[in-house]
C-alpha atoms as a PDB file:
ATOM      1  CA  UNK A   1     121.200  -1.056   9.546  1.00  0.00           C
ATOM      2  CA  UNK A   2     122.056  -1.808  13.234  1.00  0.00           C
ATOM      3  CA  UNK A   3     119.905  -1.252  16.278  1.00  0.00           C
ATOM      4  CA  UNK A   4     121.583   2.016  16.955  1.00  0.00           C
ATOM      5  CA  UNK A   5     120.527   3.284  13.532  1.00  0.00           C
ATOM      6  CA  UNK A   6     116.894   2.216  14.241  1.00  0.00           C
ATOM      7  CA  UNK A   7     116.918   3.933  17.680  1.00  0.00           C
ATOM      8  CA  UNK A   8     118.432   7.152  16.235  1.00  0.00           C
ATOM      9  CA  UNK A   9     115.927   7.103  13.364  1.00  0.00           C
ATOM     10  CA  UNK A  10     113.031   6.844  15.793  1.00  0.00           C
ATOM     11  CA  UNK A  11     114.350   9.695  17.925  1.00  0.00           C
ATOM     12  CA  UNK A  12     114.673  11.913  14.779  1.00  0.00           C
ATOM     13  CA  UNK A  13     111.139  10.984  13.724  1.00  0.00           C
ATOM     14  CA  UNK A  14     109.756  11.767  17.091  1.00  0.00           C
ATOM     15  CA  UNK A  15     111.480  15.180  17.130  1.00  0.00           C
ATOM     16  CA  UNK A  16     110.055  15.795  13.636  1.00  0.00           C
ATOM     17  CA  UNK A  17     106.501  14.811  14.757  1.00  0.00           C
ATOM     18  CA  UNK A  18     106.910  17.149  17.714  1.00  0.00           C
ATOM     19  CA  UNK A  19     107.763  20.037  15.449  1.00  0.00           C
ATOM     20  CA  UNK A  20     104.670  19.336  13.379  1.00  0.00           C
ATOM     21  CA  UNK A  21     102.465  19.272  16.521  1.00  0.00           C
ATOM     22  CA  UNK A  22     103.391  22.941  17.464  1.00  0.00           C
ATOM     23  CA  UNK A  23     102.374  24.209  14.083  1.00  0.00           C
ATOM     24  CA  UNK A  24      98.919  25.942  13.880  1.00  0.00           C
ATOM     25  CA  UNK A  25      96.043  23.560  13.109  1.00  0.00           C
ATOM     26  CA  UNK A  26      95.622  24.612   9.475  1.00  0.00           C
ATOM     27  CA  UNK A  27      99.402  23.938   8.892  1.00  0.00           C
ATOM     28  CA  UNK A  28      99.113  20.553  10.611  1.00  0.00           C
ATOM     29  CA  UNK A  29      96.158  19.527   8.394  1.00  0.00           C
ATOM     30  CA  UNK A  30      98.012  20.465   5.140  1.00  0.00           C
ATOM     31  CA  UNK A  31     101.219  18.839   6.324  1.00  0.00           C
ATOM     32  CA  UNK A  32      99.398  15.557   7.052  1.00  0.00           C
ATOM     33  CA  UNK A  33      97.751  15.688   3.631  1.00  0.00           C
ATOM     34  CA  UNK A  34     101.160  16.330   2.056  1.00  0.00           C
ATOM     35  CA  UNK A  35     102.724  13.529   3.985  1.00  0.00           C
ATOM     36  CA  UNK A  36      99.911  11.134   2.847  1.00  0.00           C
ATOM     37  CA  UNK A  37     100.387  12.222  -0.757  1.00  0.00           C
ATOM     38  CA  UNK A  38     104.135  11.661  -0.622  1.00  0.00           C
ATOM     39  CA  UNK A  39     103.747   8.278   1.010  1.00  0.00           C
ATOM     40  CA  UNK A  40     101.263   7.390  -1.785  1.00  0.00           C
ATOM     41  CA  UNK A  41     103.398   8.744  -4.700  1.00  0.00           C
ATOM     42  CA  UNK A  42     106.575   7.585  -3.158  1.00  0.00           C
ATOM     43  CA  UNK A  43     109.484   9.863  -4.041  1.00  0.00           C
ATOM     44  CA  UNK A  44     112.598   7.732  -3.565  1.00  0.00           C
ATOM     45  CA  UNK A  45     114.338  10.372  -1.528  1.00  0.00           C
ATOM     46  CA  UNK A  46     111.574  10.500   1.021  1.00  0.00           C
ATOM     47  CA  UNK A  47     113.353   8.020   3.302  1.00  0.00           C
ATOM     48  CA  UNK A  48     116.274  10.334   3.877  1.00  0.00           C
ATOM     49  CA  UNK A  49     114.036  12.760   5.734  1.00  0.00           C
ATOM     50  CA  UNK A  50     115.116  15.972   4.022  1.00  0.00           C
ATOM     51  CA  UNK A  51     111.906  16.562   2.087  1.00  0.00           C
ATOM     52  CA  UNK A  52     109.467  16.425   5.051  1.00  0.00           C
ATOM     53  CA  UNK A  53     111.802  18.303   7.390  1.00  0.00           C
ATOM     54  CA  UNK A  54     112.314  20.928   4.729  1.00  0.00           C
ATOM     55  CA  UNK A  55     108.520  21.382   4.486  1.00  0.00           C
ATOM     56  CA  UNK A  56     108.312  21.808   8.332  1.00  0.00           C
ATOM     57  CA  UNK A  57     111.202  24.434   8.075  1.00  0.00           C
ATOM     58  CA  UNK A  58     109.206  26.193   5.344  1.00  0.00           C
ATOM     59  CA  UNK A  59     105.980  26.065   7.335  1.00  0.00           C
ATOM     60  CA  UNK A  60     107.719  27.300  10.462  1.00  0.00           C
ATOM     61  CA  UNK A  61     108.973  30.309   8.507  1.00  0.00           C
ATOM     62  CA  UNK A  62     105.437  30.945   7.225  1.00  0.00           C
ATOM     63  CA  UNK A  63     104.094  30.926  10.786  1.00  0.00           C
ATOM     64  CA  UNK A  64     106.763  33.354  11.973  1.00  0.00           C
ATOM     65  CA  UNK A  65     105.911  35.623   9.030  1.00  0.00           C
ATOM     66  CA  UNK A  66     102.206  35.490  10.038  1.00  0.00           C
ATOM     67  CA  UNK A  67     101.068  33.882   6.820  1.00  0.00           C
ATOM     68  CA  UNK A  68      98.298  31.269   6.425  1.00  0.00           C
ATOM     69  CA  UNK A  69      99.391  27.970   4.950  1.00  0.00           C
ATOM     70  CA  UNK A  70      97.463  28.459   1.716  1.00  0.00           C
ATOM     71  CA  UNK A  71      99.274  31.819   1.223  1.00  0.00           C
ATOM     72  CA  UNK A  72     102.506  29.750   1.134  1.00  0.00           C
ATOM     73  CA  UNK A  73     101.486  26.796  -1.030  1.00  0.00           C
ATOM     74  CA  UNK A  74      98.320  27.866  -2.896  1.00  0.00           C
ATOM     75  CA  UNK A  75      94.973  26.106  -2.985  1.00  0.00           C
ATOM     76  CA  UNK A  76      96.137  22.909  -4.704  1.00  0.00           C
ATOM     77  CA  UNK A  77      98.126  20.879  -2.242  1.00  0.00           C
ATOM     78  CA  UNK A  78      98.755  18.006  -4.732  1.00  0.00           C
ATOM     79  CA  UNK A  79     100.098  20.495  -7.374  1.00  0.00           C
ATOM     80  CA  UNK A  80     102.413  21.955  -4.761  1.00  0.00           C
ATOM     81  CA  UNK A  81     103.583  18.451  -3.873  1.00  0.00           C
ATOM     82  CA  UNK A  82     104.159  17.584  -7.496  1.00  0.00           C
ATOM     83  CA  UNK A  83     106.268  20.695  -7.947  1.00  0.00           C
ATOM     84  CA  UNK A  84     108.429  19.750  -5.100  1.00  0.00           C
ATOM     85  CA  UNK A  85     109.252  16.287  -6.508  1.00  0.00           C
ATOM     86  CA  UNK A  86     108.961  17.089 -10.204  1.00  0.00           C
ATOM     87  CA  UNK A  87     112.628  16.143 -10.916  1.00  0.00           C
ATOM     88  CA  UNK A  88     112.679  13.174  -8.568  1.00  0.00           C
ATOM     89  CA  UNK A  89     112.155   9.531  -9.445  1.00  0.00           C
ATOM     90  CA  UNK A  90     109.268   7.929  -7.583  1.00  0.00           C
ATOM     91  CA  UNK A  91     108.360   4.334  -6.772  1.00  0.00           C
ATOM     92  CA  UNK A  92     105.489   4.855  -9.189  1.00  0.00           C
ATOM     93  CA  UNK A  93     108.022   5.539 -11.997  1.00  0.00           C
ATOM     94  CA  UNK A  94     109.978   2.452 -11.093  1.00  0.00           C
ATOM     95  CA  UNK A  95     106.727   0.407 -11.138  1.00  0.00           C
ATOM     96  CA  UNK A  96     105.783   1.817 -14.587  1.00  0.00           C
ATOM     97  CA  UNK A  97     109.299   0.944 -15.879  1.00  0.00           C
ATOM     98  CA  UNK A  98     108.924  -2.578 -14.590  1.00  0.00           C
ATOM     99  CA  UNK A  99     105.667  -2.909 -16.490  1.00  0.00           C
ATOM    100  CA  UNK A 100     106.935  -1.517 -19.760  1.00  0.00           C
ATOM    101  CA  UNK A 101     110.446  -2.868 -19.488  1.00  0.00           C
ATOM    102  CA  UNK A 102     112.124   0.467 -20.286  1.00  0.00           C
ATOM    103  CA  UNK A 103     113.088   3.522 -18.146  1.00  0.00           C
ATOM    104  CA  UNK A 104     110.705   6.604 -18.412  1.00  0.00           C
ATOM    105  CA  UNK A 105     111.269  10.251 -17.809  1.00  0.00           C
ATOM    106  CA  UNK A 106     109.522  11.883 -14.935  1.00  0.00           C
ATOM    107  CA  UNK A 107     106.017  12.941 -15.801  1.00  0.00           C
ATOM    108  CA  UNK A 108     103.714  15.346 -14.117  1.00  0.00           C
ATOM    109  CA  UNK A 109     100.664  13.981 -12.293  1.00  0.00           C
END
């Protein structure tokens, strides 16, 4: 990864954060909780940026439709997050595999 890649990544992240900041406060709170959850659980594809930007796209559509954030995702943020990554490997899966010495299937949290 060269310096240009780092600079471009920072520009993209700043643009992403700017999109989040214009969401209504309830959407911002839920987004930040989801982001924390994903950083903790660690879906491997999180680094490519499509998961978080897809959530912002989804939230922007919800705002445009006049819906509250909980109307979109339900009352259980963690369950919604788990559903989004249910077929993805996580760093937690890799860690469990390293402890047991064998690959595991994806389990629900």
